[in-house]
Amino acid sequence: MSNPKAMVQTMIALASASLGLVAALAWNEAIKATLARLGLGDDLAGLYSYAIIATVLAVVVLSILGRLAARLGGEASFVREAEG
């Protein structure tokens, strides 16, 4: 354990990514169920609707996070060795 701070930051990043994946899968199921109720389940219009909704949601969330990062100074929580 040469650098405990880097290890904790890496663990936080991995946990965040894991929890983000779980949340994304939950939203995936919720959106699919909603489209099925609207009668747009597995047909082409439903698949494109789902893709558009997912893309818009991703852009909105990433835009908000980008603005938040800029307000906080815009620095990453850790720097990879190749970048340092």
Protein backbone atom coordinates (compact mmCIF):
# COMPACT_ATOMS: atom_id res chain seq x y z
CA MET A 1 0.00 0.00 0.00
CA SER A 2 2.37 2.69 -1.23
CA ASN A 3 -0.21 5.47 -1.60
CA PRO A 4 -3.33 5.06 0.58
CA LYS A 5 -4.95 8.25 -0.78
CA ALA A 6 -4.73 7.00 -4.38
CA MET A 7 -6.05 3.61 -3.31
CA VAL A 8 -9.09 5.14 -1.58
CA GLN A 9 -9.75 7.43 -4.56
CA THR A 10 -9.57 4.44 -6.89
CA MET A 11 -11.95 2.47 -4.68
CA ILE A 12 -14.39 5.41 -4.69
CA ALA A 13 -14.17 5.64 -8.49
CA LEU A 14 -14.79 1.91 -8.88
CA ALA A 15 -17.69 1.93 -6.42
CA SER A 16 -19.20 4.94 -8.19
CA ALA A 17 -18.92 3.22 -11.57
CA SER A 18 -20.46 0.03 -10.18
CA LEU A 19 -23.36 1.83 -8.57
CA GLY A 20 -23.82 3.87 -11.74
CA LEU A 21 -24.12 0.66 -13.74
CA VAL A 22 -26.73 -0.71 -11.33
CA ALA A 23 -28.71 2.54 -11.59
CA ALA A 24 -28.43 2.49 -15.38
CA LEU A 25 -29.76 -1.06 -15.52
CA ALA A 26 -32.66 -0.09 -13.27
CA TRP A 27 -33.50 2.87 -15.52
CA ASN A 28 -33.16 0.55 -18.52
CA GLU A 29 -35.87 -1.73 -17.14
CA ALA A 30 -38.10 1.18 -16.11
CA ILE A 31 -37.93 2.82 -19.53
CA LYS A 32 -38.55 -0.49 -21.32
CA ALA A 33 -41.59 -1.18 -19.11
CA THR A 34 -42.94 2.33 -19.76
CA LEU A 35 -42.54 1.95 -23.52
CA ALA A 36 -44.26 -1.45 -23.35
CA ARG A 37 -47.22 0.13 -21.52
CA LEU A 38 -47.40 2.81 -24.21
CA GLY A 39 -47.54 0.10 -26.85
CA LEU A 40 -44.05 0.81 -28.16
CA GLY A 41 -42.39 -2.27 -26.63
CA ASP A 42 -40.28 -4.26 -29.09
CA ASP A 43 -41.16 -2.66 -32.39
CA LEU A 44 -38.73 -0.42 -34.25
CA ALA A 45 -40.41 2.80 -33.06
CA GLY A 46 -40.04 1.64 -29.45
CA LEU A 47 -36.37 0.80 -29.88
CA TYR A 48 -35.64 4.18 -31.44
CA SER A 49 -37.70 5.95 -28.77
CA TYR A 50 -35.71 4.17 -26.10
CA ALA A 51 -32.39 5.06 -27.76
CA ILE A 52 -33.39 8.72 -28.03
CA ILE A 53 -34.57 8.87 -24.41
CA ALA A 54 -31.38 7.22 -23.18
CA THR A 55 -29.21 9.58 -25.24
CA VAL A 56 -31.04 12.71 -24.08
CA LEU A 57 -30.84 11.57 -20.47
CA ALA A 58 -27.11 10.89 -20.79
CA VAL A 59 -26.45 14.30 -22.37
CA VAL A 60 -28.44 16.12 -19.69
CA VAL A 61 -26.73 14.30 -16.81
CA LEU A 62 -23.25 14.75 -18.29
CA SER A 63 -23.92 18.44 -18.94
CA ILE A 64 -25.00 18.98 -15.35
CA LEU A 65 -21.96 17.10 -14.05
CA GLY A 66 -19.68 19.09 -16.36
CA ARG A 67 -21.05 22.38 -15.04
CA LEU A 68 -20.68 21.16 -11.48
CA ALA A 69 -17.07 20.13 -12.11
CA ALA A 70 -16.34 23.55 -13.64
CA ARG A 71 -17.76 25.30 -10.56
CA LEU A 72 -15.63 23.14 -8.29
CA GLY A 73 -12.45 23.90 -10.19
CA GLY A 74 -12.71 21.34 -12.96
CA GLU A 75 -10.07 18.99 -11.61
CA ALA A 76 -10.43 15.23 -11.60
CA SER A 77 -10.48 13.46 -8.25
CA PHE A 78 -7.32 11.59 -9.23
CA VAL A 79 -4.76 11.71 -12.02
CA ARG A 80 -3.66 8.57 -13.84
CA GLU A 81 0.05 7.89 -13.87
CA ALA A 82 0.23 8.38 -17.64
CA GLU A 83 -1.20 11.89 -17.28
CA GLY A 84 0.87 12.90 -14.24
